[in-house]
All heavy atoms as atom14 arrays in JSON, in Angstrom:
{
  "sequence": "CRMLGAKVEAFDENGKPVLDELGEMVITQPMPSMPV",
  "atom14_mask": [
    [1, 1, 1, 1, 1, 1, 0, 0, 0, 0, 0, 0, 0, 0],
    [1, 1, 1, 1, 1, 1, 1, 1, 1, 1, 1, 0, 0, 0],
    [1, 1, 1, 1, 1, 1, 1, 1, 0, 0, 0, 0, 0, 0],
    [1, 1, 1, 1, 1, 1, 1, 1, 0, 0, 0, 0, 0, 0],
    [1, 1, 1, 1, 0, 0, 0, 0, 0, 0, 0, 0, 0, 0],
    [1, 1, 1, 1, 1, 0, 0, 0, 0, 0, 0, 0, 0, 0],
    [1, 1, 1, 1, 1, 1, 1, 1, 1, 0, 0, 0, 0, 0],
    [1, 1, 1, 1, 1, 1, 1, 0, 0, 0, 0, 0, 0, 0],
    [1, 1, 1, 1, 1, 1, 1, 1, 1, 0, 0, 0, 0, 0],
    [1, 1, 1, 1, 1, 0, 0, 0, 0, 0, 0, 0, 0, 0],
    [1, 1, 1, 1, 1, 1, 1, 1, 1, 1, 1, 0, 0, 0],
    [1, 1, 1, 1, 1, 1, 1, 1, 0, 0, 0, 0, 0, 0],
    [1, 1, 1, 1, 1, 1, 1, 1, 1, 0, 0, 0, 0, 0],
    [1, 1, 1, 1, 1, 1, 1, 1, 0, 0, 0, 0, 0, 0],
    [1, 1, 1, 1, 0, 0, 0, 0, 0, 0, 0, 0, 0, 0],
    [1, 1, 1, 1, 1, 1, 1, 1, 1, 0, 0, 0, 0, 0],
    [1, 1, 1, 1, 1, 1, 1, 0, 0, 0, 0, 0, 0, 0],
    [1, 1, 1, 1, 1, 1, 1, 0, 0, 0, 0, 0, 0, 0],
    [1, 1, 1, 1, 1, 1, 1, 1, 0, 0, 0, 0, 0, 0],
    [1, 1, 1, 1, 1, 1, 1, 1, 0, 0, 0, 0, 0, 0],
    [1, 1, 1, 1, 1, 1, 1, 1, 1, 0, 0, 0, 0, 0],
    [1, 1, 1, 1, 1, 1, 1, 1, 0, 0, 0, 0, 0, 0],
    [1, 1, 1, 1, 0, 0, 0, 0, 0, 0, 0, 0, 0, 0],
    [1, 1, 1, 1, 1, 1, 1, 1, 1, 0, 0, 0, 0, 0],
    [1, 1, 1, 1, 1, 1, 1, 1, 0, 0, 0, 0, 0, 0],
    [1, 1, 1, 1, 1, 1, 1, 0, 0, 0, 0, 0, 0, 0],
    [1, 1, 1, 1, 1, 1, 1, 1, 0, 0, 0, 0, 0, 0],
    [1, 1, 1, 1, 1, 1, 1, 0, 0, 0, 0, 0, 0, 0],
    [1, 1, 1, 1, 1, 1, 1, 1, 1, 0, 0, 0, 0, 0],
    [1, 1, 1, 1, 1, 1, 1, 0, 0, 0, 0, 0, 0, 0],
    [1, 1, 1, 1, 1, 1, 1, 1, 0, 0, 0, 0, 0, 0],
    [1, 1, 1, 1, 1, 1, 1, 0, 0, 0, 0, 0, 0, 0],
    [1, 1, 1, 1, 1, 1, 0, 0, 0, 0, 0, 0, 0, 0],
    [1, 1, 1, 1, 1, 1, 1, 1, 0, 0, 0, 0, 0, 0],
    [1, 1, 1, 1, 1, 1, 1, 0, 0, 0, 0, 0, 0, 0],
    [1, 1, 1, 1, 1, 1, 1, 0, 0, 0, 0, 0, 0, 0]
  ],
  "atom14_positions": [
    [[-1.91, 10.16, 2.22], [-1.01, 9.02, 2.61], [-1.83, 7.85, 2.99], [-3.09, 7.95, 3.32], [-0.13, 9.45, 3.76], [-1.04, 9.8, 5.32], [0.0, 0.0, 0.0], [0.0, 0.0, 0.0], [0.0, 0.0, 0.0], [0.0, 0.0, 0.0], [0.0, 0.0, 0.0], [0.0, 0.0, 0.0], [0.0, 0.0, 0.0], [0.0, 0.0, 0.0]],
    [[-1.19, 6.71, 3.12], [-1.76, 5.54, 3.81], [-1.4, 5.8, 5.28], [-0.26, 6.15, 5.65], [-1.09, 4.31, 3.36], [-1.48, 3.95, 2.0], [-0.72, 2.75, 1.37], [0.61, 3.12, 0.91], [1.46, 2.23, 0.29], [1.08, 0.98, 0.15], [2.65, 2.64, -0.11], [0.0, 0.0, 0.0], [0.0, 0.0, 0.0], [0.0, 0.0, 0.0]],
    [[-2.37, 5.67, 6.16], [-2.17, 6.15, 7.54], [-1.35, 5.02, 8.33], [-1.19, 3.86, 7.93], [-3.56, 6.33, 8.25], [-4.13, 7.61, 7.72], [-5.86, 7.88, 8.2], [-5.79, 7.92, 10.0], [0.0, 0.0, 0.0], [0.0, 0.0, 0.0], [0.0, 0.0, 0.0], [0.0, 0.0, 0.0], [0.0, 0.0, 0.0], [0.0, 0.0, 0.0]],
    [[-0.71, 5.52, 9.38], [0.24, 4.71, 10.15], [-0.49, 3.47, 10.63], [-1.68, 3.5, 11.1], [0.73, 5.44, 11.32], [1.67, 6.61, 10.97], [2.1, 7.41, 12.22], [2.89, 6.24, 10.19], [0.0, 0.0, 0.0], [0.0, 0.0, 0.0], [0.0, 0.0, 0.0], [0.0, 0.0, 0.0], [0.0, 0.0, 0.0], [0.0, 0.0, 0.0]],
    [[0.15, 2.31, 10.53], [-0.44, 1.08, 11.01], [-1.41, 0.37, 10.07], [-1.89, -0.71, 10.31], [0.0, 0.0, 0.0], [0.0, 0.0, 0.0], [0.0, 0.0, 0.0], [0.0, 0.0, 0.0], [0.0, 0.0, 0.0], [0.0, 0.0, 0.0], [0.0, 0.0, 0.0], [0.0, 0.0, 0.0], [0.0, 0.0, 0.0], [0.0, 0.0, 0.0]],
    [[-1.77, 1.1, 8.92], [-2.71, 0.53, 7.99], [-1.88, 0.08, 6.71], [-1.49, 0.84, 5.86], [-3.68, 1.59, 7.57], [0.0, 0.0, 0.0], [0.0, 0.0, 0.0], [0.0, 0.0, 0.0], [0.0, 0.0, 0.0], [0.0, 0.0, 0.0], [0.0, 0.0, 0.0], [0.0, 0.0, 0.0], [0.0, 0.0, 0.0], [0.0, 0.0, 0.0]],
    [[-1.78, -1.25, 6.63], [-0.96, -1.82, 5.49], [-1.89, -1.9, 4.25], [-2.4, -2.99, 3.9], [-0.48, -3.17, 5.94], [0.5, -3.78, 4.81], [1.83, -3.15, 4.9], [2.92, -4.02, 4.21], [2.85, -4.09, 2.77], [0.0, 0.0, 0.0], [0.0, 0.0, 0.0], [0.0, 0.0, 0.0], [0.0, 0.0, 0.0], [0.0, 0.0, 0.0]],
    [[-2.09, -0.8, 3.61], [-3.01, -0.74, 2.47], [-2.29, -0.91, 1.2], [-1.13, -0.39, 1.01], [-3.67, 0.72, 2.42], [-4.46, 0.88, 1.16], [-4.52, 0.95, 3.63], [0.0, 0.0, 0.0], [0.0, 0.0, 0.0], [0.0, 0.0, 0.0], [0.0, 0.0, 0.0], [0.0, 0.0, 0.0], [0.0, 0.0, 0.0], [0.0, 0.0, 0.0]],
    [[-2.73, -1.79, 0.37], [-2.15, -2.03, -1.0], [-3.21, -2.05, -2.04], [-4.43, -2.12, -1.74], [-1.47, -3.4, -1.01], [-0.4, -3.7, 0.04], [0.99, -3.05, -0.28], [1.03, -2.26, -1.31], [1.88, -3.33, 0.45], [0.0, 0.0, 0.0], [0.0, 0.0, 0.0], [0.0, 0.0, 0.0], [0.0, 0.0, 0.0], [0.0, 0.0, 0.0]],
    [[-2.78, -1.81, -3.26], [-3.74, -1.92, -4.46], [-3.28, -3.24, -5.12], [-2.14, -3.42, -5.52], [-3.54, -0.74, -5.42], [0.0, 0.0, 0.0], [0.0, 0.0, 0.0], [0.0, 0.0, 0.0], [0.0, 0.0, 0.0], [0.0, 0.0, 0.0], [0.0, 0.0, 0.0], [0.0, 0.0, 0.0], [0.0, 0.0, 0.0], [0.0, 0.0, 0.0]],
    [[-4.24, -4.19, -5.22], [-4.0, -5.5, -5.83], [-4.51, -5.54, -7.25], [-5.69, -5.03, -7.55], [-4.7, -6.57, -5.03], [-3.83, -7.15, -3.91], [-2.78, -6.52, -3.46], [-4.27, -8.36, -3.33], [-1.99, -7.11, -2.37], [-3.49, -8.91, -2.27], [-2.34, -8.25, -1.78], [0.0, 0.0, 0.0], [0.0, 0.0, 0.0], [0.0, 0.0, 0.0]],
    [[-3.67, -6.14, -8.12], [-4.2, -6.37, -9.46], [-5.03, -7.61, -9.5], [-5.26, -8.26, -8.52], [-3.04, -6.4, -10.48], [-2.04, -7.6, -10.35], [-2.49, -8.56, -9.54], [-1.0, -7.65, -10.82], [0.0, 0.0, 0.0], [0.0, 0.0, 0.0], [0.0, 0.0, 0.0], [0.0, 0.0, 0.0], [0.0, 0.0, 0.0], [0.0, 0.0, 0.0]],
    [[-5.47, -8.0, -10.75], [-6.42, -9.15, -10.87], [-5.75, -10.41, -10.44], [-6.45, -11.45, -10.22], [-6.95, -9.22, -12.28], [-5.86, -9.38, -13.37], [-5.35, -8.05, -13.92], [-5.58, -7.0, -13.17], [-4.71, -8.09, -14.95], [0.0, 0.0, 0.0], [0.0, 0.0, 0.0], [0.0, 0.0, 0.0], [0.0, 0.0, 0.0], [0.0, 0.0, 0.0]],
    [[-4.4, -10.46, -10.33], [-3.69, -11.7, -9.9], [-3.42, -11.68, -8.39], [-2.68, -12.5, -7.88], [-2.43, -11.85, -10.71], [-2.65, -12.01, -12.2], [-3.49, -12.76, -12.59], [-1.92, -11.26, -13.0], [0.0, 0.0, 0.0], [0.0, 0.0, 0.0], [0.0, 0.0, 0.0], [0.0, 0.0, 0.0], [0.0, 0.0, 0.0], [0.0, 0.0, 0.0]],
    [[-3.87, -10.66, -7.69], [-3.65, -10.55, -6.26], [-2.25, -10.12, -5.9], [-1.8, -10.42, -4.85], [0.0, 0.0, 0.0], [0.0, 0.0, 0.0], [0.0, 0.0, 0.0], [0.0, 0.0, 0.0], [0.0, 0.0, 0.0], [0.0, 0.0, 0.0], [0.0, 0.0, 0.0], [0.0, 0.0, 0.0], [0.0, 0.0, 0.0], [0.0, 0.0, 0.0]],
    [[-1.65, -9.32, -6.82], [-0.29, -8.8, -6.54], [-0.38, -7.28, -6.41], [-1.1, -6.61, -7.09], [0.69, -9.17, -7.71], [0.77, -10.61, -8.01], [1.39, -11.4, -6.84], [1.5, -12.85, -7.18], [1.99, -13.64, -6.03], [0.0, 0.0, 0.0], [0.0, 0.0, 0.0], [0.0, 0.0, 0.0], [0.0, 0.0, 0.0], [0.0, 0.0, 0.0]],
    [[0.49, -6.79, -5.45], [0.45, -5.29, -5.24], [1.0, -4.53, -6.49], [2.0, -4.98, -7.09], [1.32, -5.1, -3.96], [2.12, -6.3, -3.81], [1.37, -7.42, -4.47], [0.0, 0.0, 0.0], [0.0, 0.0, 0.0], [0.0, 0.0, 0.0], [0.0, 0.0, 0.0], [0.0, 0.0, 0.0], [0.0, 0.0, 0.0], [0.0, 0.0, 0.0]],
    [[0.36, -3.44, -6.83], [0.76, -2.62, -7.94], [0.89, -1.15, -7.54], [0.25, -0.74, -6.57], [-0.2, -2.78, -9.15], [-0.14, -4.11, -9.79], [-1.65, -2.33, -8.79], [0.0, 0.0, 0.0], [0.0, 0.0, 0.0], [0.0, 0.0, 0.0], [0.0, 0.0, 0.0], [0.0, 0.0, 0.0], [0.0, 0.0, 0.0], [0.0, 0.0, 0.0]],
    [[1.77, -0.45, -8.21], [1.94, 0.96, -7.96], [1.63, 1.76, -9.28], [1.91, 1.31, -10.33], [3.42, 1.22, -7.58], [3.76, 2.72, -7.17], [3.2, 3.05, -5.77], [5.31, 2.78, -7.07], [0.0, 0.0, 0.0], [0.0, 0.0, 0.0], [0.0, 0.0, 0.0], [0.0, 0.0, 0.0], [0.0, 0.0, 0.0], [0.0, 0.0, 0.0]],
    [[0.91, 2.88, -9.02], [0.53, 3.77, -10.13], [-0.42, 3.04, -11.13], [-0.45, 3.39, -12.29], [1.79, 4.28, -10.85], [1.55, 5.66, -11.55], [0.59, 6.36, -11.11], [2.22, 5.97, -12.47], [0.0, 0.0, 0.0], [0.0, 0.0, 0.0], [0.0, 0.0, 0.0], [0.0, 0.0, 0.0], [0.0, 0.0, 0.0], [0.0, 0.0, 0.0]],
    [[-1.15, 1.99, -10.66], [-2.16, 1.37, -11.39], [-3.42, 1.21, -10.52], [-3.33, 1.01, -9.26], [-1.78, 0.03, -11.89], [-0.67, -0.01, -12.95], [-0.31, -1.46, -13.23], [-1.13, -2.31, -13.19], [0.89, -1.71, -13.63], [0.0, 0.0, 0.0], [0.0, 0.0, 0.0], [0.0, 0.0, 0.0], [0.0, 0.0, 0.0], [0.0, 0.0, 0.0]],
    [[-4.59, 1.31, -11.13], [-5.84, 1.03, -10.39], [-5.82, -0.37, -9.94], [-5.46, -1.29, -10.72], [-7.09, 1.31, -11.26], [-7.51, 2.75, -11.38], [-8.67, 2.88, -12.4], [-7.95, 3.27, -10.04], [0.0, 0.0, 0.0], [0.0, 0.0, 0.0], [0.0, 0.0, 0.0], [0.0, 0.0, 0.0], [0.0, 0.0, 0.0], [0.0, 0.0, 0.0]],
    [[-6.21, -0.59, -8.71], [-6.34, -1.97, -8.15], [-7.34, -2.04, -7.03], [-7.89, -0.99, -6.62], [0.0, 0.0, 0.0], [0.0, 0.0, 0.0], [0.0, 0.0, 0.0], [0.0, 0.0, 0.0], [0.0, 0.0, 0.0], [0.0, 0.0, 0.0], [0.0, 0.0, 0.0], [0.0, 0.0, 0.0], [0.0, 0.0, 0.0], [0.0, 0.0, 0.0]],
    [[-7.54, -3.25, -6.58], [-8.5, -3.52, -5.49], [-7.79, -3.12, -4.16], [-6.66, -3.53, -3.9], [-8.78, -5.01, -5.48], [-9.91, -5.37, -4.56], [-11.33, -5.18, -5.17], [-11.58, -5.65, -6.33], [-12.14, -4.59, -4.5], [0.0, 0.0, 0.0], [0.0, 0.0, 0.0], [0.0, 0.0, 0.0], [0.0, 0.0, 0.0], [0.0, 0.0, 0.0]],
    [[-8.48, -2.29, -3.37], [-7.96, -1.89, -2.07], [-8.01, -3.06, -1.07], [-9.06, -3.59, -0.81], [-8.72, -0.63, -1.52], [-8.19, -0.13, -0.19], [-9.07, 1.32, 0.33], [-8.54, 1.54, 2.01], [0.0, 0.0, 0.0], [0.0, 0.0, 0.0], [0.0, 0.0, 0.0], [0.0, 0.0, 0.0], [0.0, 0.0, 0.0], [0.0, 0.0, 0.0]],
    [[-6.8, -3.35, -0.53], [-6.73, -4.48, 0.51], [-5.97, -3.93, 1.64], [-5.15, -3.0, 1.44], [-6.15, -5.73, -0.07], [-6.96, -6.26, -1.2], [-4.66, -5.55, -0.52], [0.0, 0.0, 0.0], [0.0, 0.0, 0.0], [0.0, 0.0, 0.0], [0.0, 0.0, 0.0], [0.0, 0.0, 0.0], [0.0, 0.0, 0.0], [0.0, 0.0, 0.0]],
    [[-6.18, -4.6, 2.83], [-5.39, -4.37, 4.0], [-4.78, -5.74, 4.45], [-5.55, -6.64, 4.66], [-6.14, -3.67, 5.14], [-6.74, -2.33, 4.68], [-5.37, -3.48, 6.39], [-7.99, -2.31, 3.94], [0.0, 0.0, 0.0], [0.0, 0.0, 0.0], [0.0, 0.0, 0.0], [0.0, 0.0, 0.0], [0.0, 0.0, 0.0], [0.0, 0.0, 0.0]],
    [[-3.5, -5.73, 4.49], [-2.86, -7.11, 4.64], [-2.38, -7.4, 6.08], [-1.85, -8.5, 6.29], [-1.64, -7.25, 3.63], [-0.66, -6.27, 4.04], [-2.06, -7.08, 2.26], [0.0, 0.0, 0.0], [0.0, 0.0, 0.0], [0.0, 0.0, 0.0], [0.0, 0.0, 0.0], [0.0, 0.0, 0.0], [0.0, 0.0, 0.0], [0.0, 0.0, 0.0]],
    [[-2.55, -6.43, 6.98], [-2.19, -6.6, 8.32], [-3.32, -6.23, 9.28], [-4.07, -5.33, 8.92], [-0.92, -5.85, 8.75], [0.34, -6.27, 8.04], [0.94, -7.54, 8.65], [0.33, -8.26, 9.47], [2.18, -7.84, 8.26], [0.0, 0.0, 0.0], [0.0, 0.0, 0.0], [0.0, 0.0, 0.0], [0.0, 0.0, 0.0], [0.0, 0.0, 0.0]],
    [[-3.43, -6.86, 10.47], [-4.54, -6.48, 11.35], [-4.39, -5.11, 11.99], [-3.19, -4.56, 11.99], [-4.52, -7.56, 12.43], [-3.11, -8.04, 12.42], [-2.64, -7.97, 10.96], [0.0, 0.0, 0.0], [0.0, 0.0, 0.0], [0.0, 0.0, 0.0], [0.0, 0.0, 0.0], [0.0, 0.0, 0.0], [0.0, 0.0, 0.0], [0.0, 0.0, 0.0]],
    [[-5.49, -4.49, 12.36], [-5.46, -3.18, 13.07], [-6.34, -3.35, 14.33], [-7.39, -4.12, 14.28], [-5.96, -2.05, 12.18], [-5.12, -1.77, 11.02], [-5.83, -0.56, 9.92], [-5.98, 0.89, 10.91], [0.0, 0.0, 0.0], [0.0, 0.0, 0.0], [0.0, 0.0, 0.0], [0.0, 0.0, 0.0], [0.0, 0.0, 0.0], [0.0, 0.0, 0.0]],
    [[-6.03, -2.65, 15.42], [-6.83, -2.82, 16.63], [-8.36, -2.45, 16.48], [-9.2, -2.92, 17.17], [-6.16, -1.93, 17.62], [-4.79, -1.74, 17.12], [-4.87, -1.83, 15.64], [0.0, 0.0, 0.0], [0.0, 0.0, 0.0], [0.0, 0.0, 0.0], [0.0, 0.0, 0.0], [0.0, 0.0, 0.0], [0.0, 0.0, 0.0], [0.0, 0.0, 0.0]],
    [[-8.65, -1.5, 15.51], [-10.04, -1.02, 15.44], [-10.84, -1.86, 14.41], [-12.0, -1.42, 14.05], [-10.12, 0.46, 15.1], [-9.51, 0.69, 13.79], [0.0, 0.0, 0.0], [0.0, 0.0, 0.0], [0.0, 0.0, 0.0], [0.0, 0.0, 0.0], [0.0, 0.0, 0.0], [0.0, 0.0, 0.0], [0.0, 0.0, 0.0], [0.0, 0.0, 0.0]],
    [[-10.25, -2.89, 13.78], [-11.08, -3.74, 13.04], [-12.15, -4.41, 13.94], [-11.92, -4.5, 15.11], [-10.21, -4.81, 12.32], [-9.4, -4.37, 11.24], [-8.3, -5.55, 10.54], [-7.69, -4.71, 9.03], [0.0, 0.0, 0.0], [0.0, 0.0, 0.0], [0.0, 0.0, 0.0], [0.0, 0.0, 0.0], [0.0, 0.0, 0.0], [0.0, 0.0, 0.0]],
    [[-13.25, -4.78, 13.42], [-14.29, -5.33, 14.28], [-13.83, -6.51, 15.12], [-13.1, -7.34, 14.62], [-15.39, -5.78, 13.26], [-15.18, -5.02, 11.98], [-13.7, -4.75, 11.97], [0.0, 0.0, 0.0], [0.0, 0.0, 0.0], [0.0, 0.0, 0.0], [0.0, 0.0, 0.0], [0.0, 0.0, 0.0], [0.0, 0.0, 0.0], [0.0, 0.0, 0.0]],
    [[-14.33, -6.64, 16.34], [-14.1, -7.77, 17.09], [-14.92, -8.95, 16.61], [-14.45, -10.09, 16.62], [-14.26, -7.58, 18.59], [-13.07, -6.93, 19.25], [-15.51, -6.83, 18.98], [0.0, 0.0, 0.0], [0.0, 0.0, 0.0], [0.0, 0.0, 0.0], [0.0, 0.0, 0.0], [0.0, 0.0, 0.0], [0.0, 0.0, 0.0], [0.0, 0.0, 0.0]]
  ]
}
């Protein structure tokens, strides 16, 4: 799974989220343990 609080998406070459396709892993929302 994608873990709780981690807004992980797979982006295609146009920067749009895709399902069941290979894409660039992105996180679109902040998380507290991202670097300060």
